[in-house]
Amino acid sequence: MIQVIIVDDDLQFRHEMRAVLEQAGDCIVVGESNDPMEVIEMAQRHPPDIVLLNGDLTACDAFEIAWVLRTSVAMIGIIILTQFPAEERLFQFLKVGANAYTTRTISPEVLIETVRRVCSGEFLFSNE
C-alpha cells in the first residue's frame, strides 16, 4: 500500500483527494492537515511514501514545508499541486526537493498514475 499525507487548506479538496486515492485500491491516506507543524510531525513519526502538497497554501510557506520534509524524511515523494502553475515556482519547488509539479485540476486517473510513478522514484512535471 502506498501511504499518503494530504496537505491542503481546503477541507473539501482534501476529502476529494482522499476518496480518489482510496478508490485506487493501492493507496491509503494516513494523514491530512493544513497545519505545517502537524504534517511534519506526522511524516517524521510515520514516514509516508507520498505527500500531496498544495503549492499555493495561504497560511504558511509551501516551499519551507517541502524543504523540511525533504531534509527530515529523505525517502518521501513530494507532489506539488498548484492552482496557477508558473515556471519560476516549478524551479523553486525543484530546489527544495519536489518530485512532481502539476495542477490541482489533475484528473483522478492522472493523479493515481502520478502517485504510483513518484512512489517508484520518478520525477514528473506537468506541461501546463
Protein backbone atom coordinates (compact mmCIF):
# COMPACT_ATOMS: atom_id res chain seq x y z
CA MET A 1 0.00 0.00 0.00
CA ILE A 2 1.17 3.50 -0.88
CA GLN A 3 0.80 5.67 2.21
CA VAL A 4 -0.14 9.30 1.53
CA ILE A 5 -0.43 12.51 3.55
CA ILE A 6 -2.51 15.34 2.05
CA VAL A 7 -1.57 18.94 2.87
CA ASP A 8 -4.16 21.48 1.78
CA ASP A 9 -6.12 24.32 3.37
CA ASP A 10 -9.32 23.33 1.53
CA LEU A 11 -11.12 20.63 3.53
CA GLN A 12 -13.38 19.75 0.59
CA PHE A 13 -10.37 19.25 -1.70
CA ARG A 14 -8.64 17.03 0.90
CA HIS A 15 -11.77 14.86 1.13
CA GLU A 16 -11.98 14.59 -2.67
CA MET A 17 -8.31 13.60 -2.92
CA ARG A 18 -8.76 11.03 -0.14
CA ALA A 19 -11.72 9.46 -1.97
CA VAL A 20 -9.85 9.29 -5.28
CA LEU A 21 -6.74 7.79 -3.70
CA GLU A 22 -8.52 5.22 -1.58
CA GLN A 23 -10.68 4.11 -4.53
CA ALA A 24 -7.50 3.17 -6.38
CA GLY A 25 -7.06 0.18 -4.09
CA ASP A 26 -3.31 0.50 -3.55
CA CYS A 27 -3.27 3.89 -1.78
CA ILE A 28 -4.22 4.77 1.77
CA VAL A 29 -4.37 8.26 3.24
CA VAL A 30 -2.59 8.11 6.59
CA GLY A 31 -3.00 11.79 7.40
CA GLU A 32 -4.29 15.12 6.22
CA SER A 33 -3.95 18.64 7.51
CA ASN A 34 -3.46 22.30 6.73
CA ASP A 35 -1.11 22.76 9.70
CA PRO A 36 2.55 22.53 8.61
CA MET A 37 3.88 21.53 12.02
CA GLU A 38 1.30 18.76 12.30
CA VAL A 39 2.23 17.48 8.83
CA ILE A 40 5.94 17.49 9.59
CA GLU A 41 5.37 15.66 12.88
CA MET A 42 3.14 13.07 11.14
CA ALA A 43 5.73 12.50 8.43
CA GLN A 44 8.60 12.17 10.89
CA ARG A 45 6.70 9.83 13.21
CA HIS A 46 5.37 7.53 10.48
CA PRO A 47 7.01 8.40 7.16
CA PRO A 48 4.54 8.12 4.28
CA ASP A 49 5.54 7.23 0.74
CA ILE A 50 3.95 10.37 -0.72
CA VAL A 51 2.93 13.86 0.41
CA LEU A 52 0.42 15.74 -1.75
CA LEU A 53 1.21 19.39 -1.01
CA ASN A 54 -0.80 22.42 -2.09
CA GLY A 55 1.80 24.71 -3.61
CA ASP A 56 -0.44 27.71 -3.03
CA LEU A 57 -1.01 27.44 0.72
CA THR A 58 -2.09 30.73 2.22
CA ALA A 59 -1.38 30.16 5.91
CA CYS A 60 2.23 29.03 5.50
CA ASP A 61 5.13 28.66 3.09
CA ALA A 62 4.79 25.54 0.90
CA PHE A 63 8.47 25.80 -0.09
CA GLU A 64 9.52 25.58 3.54
CA ILE A 65 7.26 22.59 4.21
CA ALA A 66 8.68 20.78 1.16
CA TRP A 67 12.25 21.57 2.26
CA VAL A 68 11.72 20.38 5.85
CA LEU A 69 10.03 17.19 4.61
CA ARG A 70 12.85 16.51 2.14
CA THR A 71 15.59 17.08 4.71
CA SER A 72 13.95 15.18 7.56
CA VAL A 73 12.28 12.32 5.65
CA ALA A 74 14.64 11.75 2.71
CA MET A 75 12.78 8.90 1.00
CA ILE A 76 9.44 10.71 0.81
CA GLY A 77 7.87 11.59 -2.55
CA ILE A 78 6.58 15.16 -2.70
CA ILE A 79 3.89 16.02 -5.25
CA ILE A 80 3.05 19.72 -5.59
CA LEU A 81 -0.49 20.57 -6.69
CA THR A 82 -0.95 24.19 -7.77
CA GLN A 83 -3.82 26.31 -8.99
CA PHE A 84 -1.57 28.61 -11.00
CA PRO A 85 1.44 26.81 -12.49
CA ALA A 86 4.46 29.02 -13.07
CA GLU A 87 7.92 28.12 -14.33
CA GLU A 88 9.64 30.14 -11.59
CA ARG A 89 7.70 28.32 -8.85
CA LEU A 90 8.42 24.97 -10.52
CA PHE A 91 12.15 25.64 -10.28
CA GLN A 92 11.83 26.77 -6.66
CA PHE A 93 10.00 23.54 -5.80
CA LEU A 94 12.66 21.53 -7.63
CA LYS A 95 15.33 23.21 -5.50
CA VAL A 96 13.58 22.18 -2.27
CA GLY A 97 13.15 18.57 -3.38
CA ALA A 98 9.73 18.15 -5.01
CA ASN A 99 9.29 15.05 -7.17
CA ALA A 100 6.29 16.25 -9.19
CA TYR A 101 4.56 19.53 -10.02
CA THR A 102 1.10 19.64 -11.56
CA THR A 103 -2.20 21.49 -11.43
CA ARG A 104 -4.97 20.98 -8.89
CA THR A 105 -7.30 20.22 -11.80
CA ILE A 106 -5.49 16.92 -12.35
CA SER A 107 -7.85 14.11 -13.34
CA PRO A 108 -8.33 11.24 -10.88
CA GLU A 109 -6.64 8.81 -13.29
CA VAL A 110 -3.61 11.02 -13.77
CA LEU A 111 -3.38 11.68 -10.01
CA ILE A 112 -3.26 7.94 -9.28
CA GLU A 113 -0.69 7.40 -12.04
CA THR A 114 1.41 10.30 -10.70
CA VAL A 115 1.32 8.93 -7.15
CA ARG A 116 2.37 5.48 -8.34
CA ARG A 117 5.15 6.78 -10.55
CA VAL A 118 6.57 9.15 -7.92
CA CYS A 119 6.40 6.30 -5.40
CA SER A 120 8.57 4.24 -7.77
CA GLY A 121 11.16 7.05 -7.92
CA GLU A 122 10.17 9.08 -10.97
CA PHE A 123 10.16 12.87 -11.28
CA LEU A 124 7.14 14.29 -13.12
CA PHE A 125 6.32 17.83 -14.15
CA SER A 126 3.19 18.98 -15.96
CA ASN A 127 3.49 20.54 -19.41
CA GLU A 128 0.98 23.19 -18.35
